[in-house]
Amino acid sequence: MSKQLLLVRHGKSEWGNAHLPDFDRPLNPRGHRNAPEMASRIAYKDLIPELIVSSPAMRAITTARHFSQVWEIPEDRFQEEEDIYEANTTTLLKVVNGLDNKYDKIALFGHNPGFTDFANYLTNAGIYNIPTCGTVLISFDTDDWKEISHSTGTLVEFDYPKSTESE
């Protein structure tokens, strides 16, 4: 058996209110449009995870909610993990190593630069930047989340909203 981890960077956020704490920044209209579109791409490829684990920051949790609606994930398979907010690779690895082994496919919703660094740490993929609402699917040849560490993953797919638009 293998494990699959889907890293999802939150959608484009609103910067209009300078007084709003970073944690509370909402998605902007593009963020609200991109999230269901990206969730549909994952669903179309039959890669829907069994569990969603999200940073509690407003823009991340809202992005995760859009995905969970498209994927029809029940509420009991939607978790908030405060350690994901502003996390570095070490912290993200602790989160992943602590995931429940009864789930083989899990989506994490969070932030850059942590997510880009983490994807590269797990896979050596050399991803320069995961854009907003970008997704990175990584597979691991193990049945235990605790065994996941540096270079144990294989990059399956890297996708983001503008990947289908001609530049």
N, C-alpha and C. Protein backbone atom coordinates (compact mmCIF):
# COMPACT_ATOMS: atom_id res chain seq x y z
N MET A 1 0.85 -1.20 0.00
CA MET A 1 0.00 0.00 0.00
C MET A 1 0.88 1.25 0.00
N SER A 2 0.31 2.32 -0.43
CA SER A 2 1.07 3.57 -0.43
C SER A 2 0.21 4.70 0.14
N LYS A 3 0.88 5.79 0.45
CA LYS A 3 0.20 6.98 0.95
C LYS A 3 0.29 8.07 -0.11
N GLN A 4 -0.74 8.92 -0.16
CA GLN A 4 -0.72 10.08 -1.06
C GLN A 4 -1.01 11.33 -0.25
N LEU A 5 -0.17 12.34 -0.47
CA LEU A 5 -0.33 13.62 0.20
C LEU A 5 -0.56 14.68 -0.86
N LEU A 6 -1.66 15.42 -0.71
CA LEU A 6 -1.96 16.51 -1.61
C LEU A 6 -1.75 17.81 -0.86
N LEU A 7 -0.74 18.58 -1.29
CA LEU A 7 -0.51 19.90 -0.69
C LEU A 7 -1.28 20.92 -1.52
N VAL A 8 -2.09 21.74 -0.85
CA VAL A 8 -2.86 22.77 -1.54
C VAL A 8 -2.55 24.12 -0.90
N ARG A 9 -1.98 25.03 -1.69
CA ARG A 9 -1.77 26.38 -1.18
C ARG A 9 -3.10 27.12 -1.27
N HIS A 10 -3.39 27.92 -0.26
CA HIS A 10 -4.64 28.68 -0.24
C HIS A 10 -4.81 29.53 -1.50
N GLY A 11 -6.06 29.88 -1.80
CA GLY A 11 -6.36 30.73 -2.95
C GLY A 11 -5.87 32.16 -2.76
N LYS A 12 -5.98 32.92 -3.82
CA LYS A 12 -5.56 34.33 -3.84
C LYS A 12 -6.31 35.09 -2.75
N SER A 13 -5.58 35.83 -1.92
CA SER A 13 -6.23 36.51 -0.82
C SER A 13 -6.38 38.01 -1.06
N GLU A 14 -7.27 38.58 -0.27
CA GLU A 14 -7.63 39.99 -0.36
C GLU A 14 -6.66 40.82 0.48
N TRP A 15 -6.10 41.86 -0.13
CA TRP A 15 -5.15 42.72 0.59
C TRP A 15 -5.73 44.11 0.84
N GLY A 16 -7.04 44.28 0.60
CA GLY A 16 -7.66 45.60 0.66
C GLY A 16 -7.65 46.25 2.03
N ASN A 17 -7.77 45.47 3.09
CA ASN A 17 -7.86 46.03 4.44
C ASN A 17 -6.51 45.91 5.15
N ALA A 18 -5.80 47.03 5.22
CA ALA A 18 -4.46 47.04 5.80
C ALA A 18 -4.47 46.77 7.31
N HIS A 19 -5.62 46.95 7.95
CA HIS A 19 -5.71 46.78 9.40
C HIS A 19 -6.02 45.34 9.81
N LEU A 20 -6.36 44.51 8.83
CA LEU A 20 -6.72 43.13 9.11
C LEU A 20 -5.46 42.31 9.43
N PRO A 21 -5.46 41.55 10.52
CA PRO A 21 -4.31 40.68 10.79
C PRO A 21 -4.14 39.65 9.66
N ASP A 22 -2.90 39.26 9.40
CA ASP A 22 -2.62 38.29 8.33
C ASP A 22 -3.49 37.05 8.46
N PHE A 23 -3.66 36.56 9.67
CA PHE A 23 -4.42 35.34 9.92
C PHE A 23 -5.85 35.44 9.41
N ASP A 24 -6.41 36.64 9.45
CA ASP A 24 -7.83 36.85 9.11
C ASP A 24 -8.09 37.29 7.68
N ARG A 25 -7.04 37.36 6.86
CA ARG A 25 -7.26 37.81 5.48
C ARG A 25 -8.14 36.82 4.71
N PRO A 26 -9.20 37.33 4.05
CA PRO A 26 -10.09 36.43 3.29
C PRO A 26 -9.58 36.22 1.86
N LEU A 27 -10.25 35.33 1.15
CA LEU A 27 -9.97 35.15 -0.27
C LEU A 27 -10.53 36.34 -1.04
N ASN A 28 -9.90 36.67 -2.16
CA ASN A 28 -10.48 37.68 -3.06
C ASN A 28 -11.36 36.93 -4.07
N PRO A 29 -12.06 37.66 -4.97
CA PRO A 29 -12.95 36.97 -5.92
C PRO A 29 -12.25 35.89 -6.75
N ARG A 30 -11.02 36.14 -7.16
CA ARG A 30 -10.29 35.12 -7.93
C ARG A 30 -10.03 33.88 -7.09
N GLY A 31 -9.69 34.09 -5.81
CA GLY A 31 -9.49 32.95 -4.90
C GLY A 31 -10.75 32.10 -4.78
N HIS A 32 -11.90 32.76 -4.70
CA HIS A 32 -13.18 32.04 -4.61
C HIS A 32 -13.49 31.29 -5.92
N ARG A 33 -13.05 31.82 -7.05
CA ARG A 33 -13.27 31.15 -8.35
C ARG A 33 -12.31 29.98 -8.55
N ASN A 34 -11.03 30.21 -8.21
CA ASN A 34 -10.01 29.19 -8.48
C ASN A 34 -10.19 27.92 -7.64
N ALA A 35 -10.60 28.06 -6.38
CA ALA A 35 -10.66 26.90 -5.49
C ALA A 35 -11.59 25.80 -6.01
N PRO A 36 -12.85 26.11 -6.35
CA PRO A 36 -13.71 25.02 -6.87
C PRO A 36 -13.20 24.46 -8.19
N GLU A 37 -12.59 25.31 -9.01
CA GLU A 37 -12.04 24.84 -10.28
C GLU A 37 -10.92 23.83 -10.05
N MET A 38 -10.01 24.14 -9.14
CA MET A 38 -8.89 23.24 -8.85
C MET A 38 -9.40 21.94 -8.19
N ALA A 39 -10.39 22.07 -7.32
CA ALA A 39 -10.98 20.89 -6.68
C ALA A 39 -11.61 19.97 -7.74
N SER A 40 -12.25 20.57 -8.73
CA SER A 40 -12.86 19.79 -9.81
C SER A 40 -11.81 19.06 -10.64
N ARG A 41 -10.66 19.71 -10.87
CA ARG A 41 -9.58 19.04 -11.61
C ARG A 41 -9.12 17.77 -10.89
N ILE A 42 -8.99 17.87 -9.56
CA ILE A 42 -8.58 16.71 -8.77
C ILE A 42 -9.65 15.61 -8.84
N ALA A 43 -10.91 16.03 -8.72
CA ALA A 43 -12.02 15.08 -8.77
C ALA A 43 -12.08 14.37 -10.12
N TYR A 44 -11.87 15.14 -11.18
CA TYR A 44 -11.91 14.60 -12.54
C TYR A 44 -10.87 13.49 -12.72
N LYS A 45 -9.74 13.63 -12.05
CA LYS A 45 -8.66 12.64 -12.15
C LYS A 45 -8.83 11.52 -11.12
N ASP A 46 -9.95 11.56 -10.38
CA ASP A 46 -10.25 10.53 -9.38
C ASP A 46 -9.18 10.46 -8.29
N LEU A 47 -8.73 11.63 -7.84
CA LEU A 47 -7.67 11.71 -6.83
C LEU A 47 -8.16 12.35 -5.53
N ILE A 48 -9.45 12.28 -5.27
CA ILE A 48 -10.02 12.92 -4.08
C ILE A 48 -9.49 12.26 -2.81
N PRO A 49 -8.97 13.07 -1.89
CA PRO A 49 -8.46 12.51 -0.63
C PRO A 49 -9.60 12.08 0.31
N GLU A 50 -9.22 11.30 1.31
CA GLU A 50 -10.19 10.83 2.30
C GLU A 50 -10.35 11.81 3.44
N LEU A 51 -9.33 12.65 3.65
CA LEU A 51 -9.31 13.55 4.80
C LEU A 51 -8.73 14.90 4.38
N ILE A 52 -9.30 15.97 4.93
CA ILE A 52 -8.78 17.32 4.72
C ILE A 52 -8.24 17.83 6.05
N VAL A 53 -7.01 18.33 6.02
CA VAL A 53 -6.40 18.94 7.21
C VAL A 53 -5.95 20.34 6.78
N SER A 54 -6.50 21.37 7.44
CA SER A 54 -6.24 22.74 7.00
C SER A 54 -5.68 23.62 8.10
N SER A 55 -4.84 24.56 7.68
CA SER A 55 -4.47 25.68 8.53
C SER A 55 -5.77 26.40 8.89
N PRO A 56 -5.89 26.90 10.13
CA PRO A 56 -7.11 27.62 10.51
C PRO A 56 -7.18 29.06 10.00
N ALA A 57 -6.13 29.54 9.34
CA ALA A 57 -6.17 30.92 8.81
C ALA A 57 -7.34 31.04 7.82
N MET A 58 -7.99 32.19 7.84
CA MET A 58 -9.21 32.40 7.05
C MET A 58 -9.05 31.99 5.59
N ARG A 59 -7.98 32.41 4.92
CA ARG A 59 -7.84 32.14 3.49
C ARG A 59 -7.61 30.65 3.21
N ALA A 60 -6.95 29.95 4.15
CA ALA A 60 -6.72 28.51 3.98
C ALA A 60 -7.99 27.71 4.24
N ILE A 61 -8.68 28.03 5.32
CA ILE A 61 -9.88 27.27 5.69
C ILE A 61 -10.98 27.50 4.66
N THR A 62 -11.06 28.71 4.11
CA THR A 62 -12.06 28.99 3.07
C THR A 62 -11.75 28.21 1.81
N THR A 63 -10.47 28.16 1.43
CA THR A 63 -10.06 27.37 0.27
C THR A 63 -10.42 25.90 0.51
N ALA A 64 -10.09 25.39 1.69
CA ALA A 64 -10.39 23.99 2.02
C ALA A 64 -11.89 23.70 1.98
N ARG A 65 -12.69 24.66 2.43
CA ARG A 65 -14.15 24.49 2.40
C ARG A 65 -14.65 24.39 0.95
N HIS A 66 -14.11 25.22 0.06
CA HIS A 66 -14.49 25.12 -1.35
C HIS A 66 -14.18 23.72 -1.88
N PHE A 67 -12.98 23.22 -1.59
CA PHE A 67 -12.58 21.89 -2.05
C PHE A 67 -13.49 20.82 -1.45
N SER A 68 -13.78 20.93 -0.14
CA SER A 68 -14.57 19.89 0.53
C SER A 68 -15.99 19.84 -0.04
N GLN A 69 -16.52 21.00 -0.46
CA GLN A 69 -17.86 21.01 -1.06
C GLN A 69 -17.86 20.30 -2.41
N VAL A 70 -16.87 20.59 -3.24
CA VAL A 70 -16.77 19.95 -4.55
C VAL A 70 -16.56 18.44 -4.38
N TRP A 71 -15.72 18.07 -3.41
CA TRP A 71 -15.40 16.66 -3.19
C TRP A 71 -16.44 15.93 -2.34
N GLU A 72 -17.38 16.68 -1.76
CA GLU A 72 -18.40 16.11 -0.88
C GLU A 72 -17.77 15.36 0.30
N ILE A 73 -16.80 16.01 0.94
CA ILE A 73 -16.14 15.45 2.12
C ILE A 73 -17.03 15.71 3.35
N PRO A 74 -17.36 14.68 4.11
CA PRO A 74 -18.18 14.90 5.31
C PRO A 74 -17.42 15.69 6.38
N GLU A 75 -18.18 16.37 7.22
CA GLU A 75 -17.61 17.25 8.25
C GLU A 75 -16.63 16.52 9.17
N ASP A 76 -16.88 15.25 9.44
CA ASP A 76 -16.00 14.52 10.35
C ASP A 76 -14.66 14.15 9.70
N ARG A 77 -14.52 14.46 8.42
CA ARG A 77 -13.24 14.24 7.74
C ARG A 77 -12.59 15.56 7.34
N PHE A 78 -12.91 16.58 8.11
CA PHE A 78 -12.38 17.93 7.89
C PHE A 78 -11.80 18.40 9.21
N GLN A 79 -10.47 18.58 9.25
CA GLN A 79 -9.81 18.96 10.50
C GLN A 79 -9.01 20.24 10.33
N GLU A 80 -8.94 21.01 11.41
CA GLU A 80 -8.06 22.17 11.44
C GLU A 80 -6.80 21.80 12.23
N GLU A 81 -5.66 22.26 11.73
CA GLU A 81 -4.39 21.99 12.42
C GLU A 81 -3.63 23.32 12.49
N GLU A 82 -3.64 23.93 13.68
CA GLU A 82 -3.04 25.26 13.81
C GLU A 82 -1.55 25.29 13.52
N ASP A 83 -0.86 24.16 13.66
CA ASP A 83 0.58 24.13 13.41
C ASP A 83 0.93 24.39 11.94
N ILE A 84 -0.05 24.22 11.04
CA ILE A 84 0.23 24.44 9.61
C ILE A 84 0.45 25.93 9.30
N TYR A 85 -0.22 26.80 10.07
CA TYR A 85 -0.10 28.25 9.82
C TYR A 85 1.33 28.70 10.09
N GLU A 86 1.94 29.35 9.10
CA GLU A 86 3.32 29.86 9.18
C GLU A 86 4.34 28.75 9.46
N ALA A 87 4.04 27.52 9.07
CA ALA A 87 4.92 26.39 9.38
C ALA A 87 6.10 26.30 8.42
N ASN A 88 7.21 25.83 8.96
CA ASN A 88 8.37 25.51 8.12
C ASN A 88 8.36 24.01 7.87
N THR A 89 9.36 23.51 7.16
CA THR A 89 9.44 22.10 6.80
C THR A 89 9.41 21.18 8.02
N THR A 90 10.17 21.52 9.05
CA THR A 90 10.23 20.69 10.26
C THR A 90 8.85 20.52 10.88
N THR A 91 8.11 21.63 11.00
CA THR A 91 6.78 21.59 11.59
C THR A 91 5.81 20.82 10.71
N LEU A 92 5.87 21.06 9.39
CA LEU A 92 4.98 20.34 8.47
C LEU A 92 5.25 18.84 8.50
N LEU A 93 6.51 18.47 8.62
CA LEU A 93 6.86 17.04 8.69
C LEU A 93 6.26 16.42 9.95
N LYS A 94 6.29 17.15 11.08
CA LYS A 94 5.68 16.65 12.31
C LYS A 94 4.19 16.43 12.13
N VAL A 95 3.52 17.37 11.44
CA VAL A 95 2.09 17.24 11.17
C VAL A 95 1.83 15.97 10.34
N VAL A 96 2.59 15.79 9.26
CA VAL A 96 2.40 14.64 8.38
C VAL A 96 2.73 13.33 9.11
N ASN A 97 3.81 13.33 9.87
CA ASN A 97 4.18 12.12 10.60
C ASN A 97 3.14 11.73 11.65
N GLY A 98 2.33 12.69 12.06
CA GLY A 98 1.29 12.43 13.06
C GLY A 98 -0.07 12.10 12.47
N LEU A 99 -0.17 12.02 11.14
CA LEU A 99 -1.47 11.73 10.52
C LEU A 99 -1.91 10.29 10.81
N ASP A 100 -3.22 10.09 10.79
CA ASP A 100 -3.82 8.80 11.11
C ASP A 100 -3.64 7.81 9.95
N ASN A 101 -3.05 6.66 10.24
CA ASN A 101 -2.76 5.66 9.21
C ASN A 101 -4.00 5.01 8.60
N LYS A 102 -5.18 5.25 9.18
CA LYS A 102 -6.37 4.67 8.56
C LYS A 102 -6.71 5.40 7.25
N TYR A 103 -6.09 6.58 7.04
CA TYR A 103 -6.27 7.33 5.79
C TYR A 103 -5.04 7.16 4.90
N ASP A 104 -5.28 6.82 3.64
CA ASP A 104 -4.17 6.68 2.69
C ASP A 104 -3.98 7.91 1.81
N LYS A 105 -5.05 8.71 1.67
CA LYS A 105 -4.97 9.93 0.85
C LYS A 105 -5.44 11.10 1.68
N ILE A 106 -4.53 12.05 1.91
CA ILE A 106 -4.85 13.21 2.75
C ILE A 106 -4.44 14.50 2.05
N ALA A 107 -5.29 15.52 2.16
CA ALA A 107 -4.98 16.84 1.61
C ALA A 107 -4.65 17.79 2.76
N LEU A 108 -3.53 18.51 2.63
CA LEU A 108 -3.16 19.56 3.57
C LEU A 108 -3.35 20.91 2.88
N PHE A 109 -4.01 21.84 3.56
CA PHE A 109 -4.21 23.19 3.04
C PHE A 109 -3.42 24.16 3.88
N GLY A 110 -2.57 24.96 3.20
CA GLY A 110 -1.73 25.87 3.96
C GLY A 110 -1.09 26.95 3.12
N HIS A 111 0.16 27.28 3.44
CA HIS A 111 0.75 28.54 3.01
C HIS A 111 2.17 28.38 2.45
N ASN A 112 2.58 29.38 1.68
CA ASN A 112 3.97 29.52 1.27
C ASN A 112 4.65 30.47 2.26
N PRO A 113 5.98 30.44 2.34
CA PRO A 113 6.90 29.61 1.57
C PRO A 113 6.99 28.17 2.06
N GLY A 114 6.36 27.88 3.19
CA GLY A 114 6.46 26.56 3.80
C GLY A 114 6.08 25.40 2.89
N PHE A 115 4.98 25.55 2.14
CA PHE A 115 4.52 24.44 1.31
C PHE A 115 5.46 24.15 0.14
N THR A 116 5.99 25.19 -0.49
CA THR A 116 6.93 24.98 -1.59
C THR A 116 8.20 24.29 -1.06
N ASP A 117 8.72 24.78 0.05
CA ASP A 117 9.91 24.18 0.66
C ASP A 117 9.65 22.72 1.03
N PHE A 118 8.47 22.45 1.58
CA PHE A 118 8.11 21.11 2.03
C PHE A 118 7.99 20.14 0.84
N ALA A 119 7.36 20.60 -0.24
CA ALA A 119 7.22 19.75 -1.44
C ALA A 119 8.60 19.37 -1.97
N ASN A 120 9.50 20.33 -2.00
CA ASN A 120 10.86 20.07 -2.49
C ASN A 120 11.65 19.17 -1.52
N TYR A 121 11.41 19.33 -0.24
CA TYR A 121 12.07 18.50 0.78
C TYR A 121 11.64 17.03 0.63
N LEU A 122 10.35 16.82 0.39
CA LEU A 122 9.83 15.46 0.30
C LEU A 122 10.19 14.77 -1.01
N THR A 123 10.32 15.55 -2.10
CA THR A 123 10.43 14.94 -3.43
C THR A 123 11.67 15.32 -4.23
N ASN A 124 12.42 16.33 -3.84
CA ASN A 124 13.49 16.87 -4.69
C ASN A 124 12.96 17.32 -6.05
N ALA A 125 11.72 17.81 -6.08
CA ALA A 125 11.07 18.18 -7.34
C ALA A 125 11.63 19.47 -7.94
N GLY A 126 12.23 20.32 -7.11
CA GLY A 126 12.76 21.58 -7.62
C GLY A 126 11.68 22.54 -8.06
N ILE A 127 10.56 22.55 -7.35
CA ILE A 127 9.47 23.49 -7.66
C ILE A 127 9.90 24.87 -7.16
N TYR A 128 9.88 25.85 -8.04
CA TYR A 128 10.32 27.19 -7.67
C TYR A 128 9.31 27.85 -6.74
N ASN A 129 8.03 27.70 -7.05
CA ASN A 129 6.99 28.34 -6.26
C ASN A 129 5.65 27.67 -6.54
N ILE A 130 4.92 27.35 -5.49
CA ILE A 130 3.55 26.87 -5.67
C ILE A 130 2.67 28.12 -5.68
N PRO A 131 2.05 28.43 -6.83
CA PRO A 131 1.19 29.62 -6.89
C PRO A 131 -0.05 29.46 -6.01
N THR A 132 -0.78 30.56 -5.79
CA THR A 132 -2.00 30.47 -4.99
C THR A 132 -2.95 29.46 -5.64
N CYS A 133 -3.55 28.65 -4.80
CA CYS A 133 -4.46 27.57 -5.17
C CYS A 133 -3.76 26.46 -5.97
N GLY A 134 -2.43 26.46 -5.94
CA GLY A 134 -1.67 25.40 -6.59
C GLY A 134 -1.76 24.11 -5.78
N THR A 135 -1.66 22.98 -6.49
CA THR A 135 -1.73 21.68 -5.85
C THR A 135 -0.50 20.84 -6.20
N VAL A 136 0.02 20.13 -5.21
CA VAL A 136 1.16 19.23 -5.42
C VAL A 136 0.76 17.87 -4.85
N LEU A 137 0.70 16.87 -5.73
CA LEU A 137 0.36 15.52 -5.29
C LEU A 137 1.63 14.69 -5.21
N ILE A 138 1.84 14.11 -4.02
CA ILE A 138 3.06 13.33 -3.76
C ILE A 138 2.64 11.94 -3.28
N SER A 139 3.30 10.92 -3.84
CA SER A 139 3.02 9.56 -3.36
C SER A 139 4.23 9.02 -2.61
N PHE A 140 3.95 8.14 -1.67
CA PHE A 140 4.99 7.55 -0.82
C PHE A 140 4.82 6.04 -0.80
N ASP A 141 5.92 5.32 -0.94
CA ASP A 141 5.90 3.87 -0.96
C ASP A 141 5.99 3.34 0.47
N THR A 142 4.97 3.64 1.27
CA THR A 142 4.91 3.21 2.67
C THR A 142 3.45 3.18 3.08
N ASP A 143 3.14 2.44 4.12
CA ASP A 143 1.77 2.48 4.64
C ASP A 143 1.74 3.14 6.02
N ASP A 144 2.83 3.87 6.35
CA ASP A 144 2.92 4.53 7.65
C ASP A 144 3.37 5.98 7.48
N TRP A 145 2.50 6.92 7.86
CA TRP A 145 2.83 8.34 7.73
C TRP A 145 4.10 8.69 8.51
N LYS A 146 4.41 7.94 9.56
CA LYS A 146 5.60 8.23 10.38
C LYS A 146 6.90 7.99 9.61
N GLU A 147 6.85 7.18 8.54
CA GLU A 147 8.05 6.86 7.77
C GLU A 147 8.38 7.92 6.71
N ILE A 148 7.50 8.88 6.56
CA ILE A 148 7.73 9.91 5.54
C ILE A 148 8.78 10.90 6.04
N SER A 149 9.78 11.14 5.20
CA SER A 149 10.85 12.08 5.54
C SER A 149 11.50 12.60 4.27
N HIS A 150 12.70 13.16 4.41
CA HIS A 150 13.40 13.77 3.28
C HIS A 150 13.54 12.81 2.10
N SER A 151 13.11 13.27 0.92
CA SER A 151 13.26 12.52 -0.34
C SER A 151 12.57 11.16 -0.37
N THR A 152 11.55 10.94 0.46
CA THR A 152 10.85 9.66 0.42
C THR A 152 9.66 9.69 -0.53
N GLY A 153 9.32 10.89 -1.03
CA GLY A 153 8.14 11.02 -1.88
C GLY A 153 8.47 11.11 -3.36
N THR A 154 7.46 10.81 -4.17
CA THR A 154 7.55 10.94 -5.61
C THR A 154 6.51 11.95 -6.07
N LEU A 155 6.94 12.95 -6.80
CA LEU A 155 6.00 13.94 -7.32
C LEU A 155 5.12 13.28 -8.38
N VAL A 156 3.82 13.28 -8.15
CA VAL A 156 2.87 12.70 -9.10
C VAL A 156 2.37 13.80 -10.03
N GLU A 157 2.05 14.96 -9.44
CA GLU A 157 1.49 16.04 -10.23
C GLU A 157 1.66 17.38 -9.53
N PHE A 158 1.92 18.40 -10.32
CA PHE A 158 1.99 19.78 -9.84
C PHE A 158 1.08 20.58 -10.75
N ASP A 159 0.05 21.20 -10.19
CA ASP A 159 -0.94 21.91 -11.01
C ASP A 159 -1.28 23.23 -10.31
N TYR A 160 -1.75 24.18 -11.09
CA TYR A 160 -2.15 25.48 -10.53
C TYR A 160 -3.11 26.13 -11.51
N PRO A 161 -3.89 27.13 -11.04
CA PRO A 161 -4.96 27.68 -11.88
C PRO A 161 -4.56 28.12 -13.28
N LYS A 162 -3.42 28.77 -13.43
CA LYS A 162 -3.06 29.30 -14.74
C LYS A 162 -2.36 28.28 -15.62
N SER A 163 -2.20 27.04 -15.17
CA SER A 163 -1.45 26.06 -15.96
C SER A 163 -2.14 25.72 -17.27
N THR A 164 -3.44 25.97 -17.37
CA THR A 164 -4.15 25.65 -18.61
C THR A 164 -4.34 26.87 -19.51
N GLU A 165 -3.99 28.02 -19.02
CA GLU A 165 -4.13 29.24 -19.82
C GLU A 165 -2.86 29.48 -20.62
N SER A 166 -3.01 29.90 -21.85
CA SER A 166 -1.81 30.22 -22.63
C SER A 166 -1.35 31.60 -22.19
N GLU A 167 -0.10 31.70 -21.87
CA GLU A 167 0.46 32.95 -21.34
C GLU A 167 0.83 33.88 -22.48
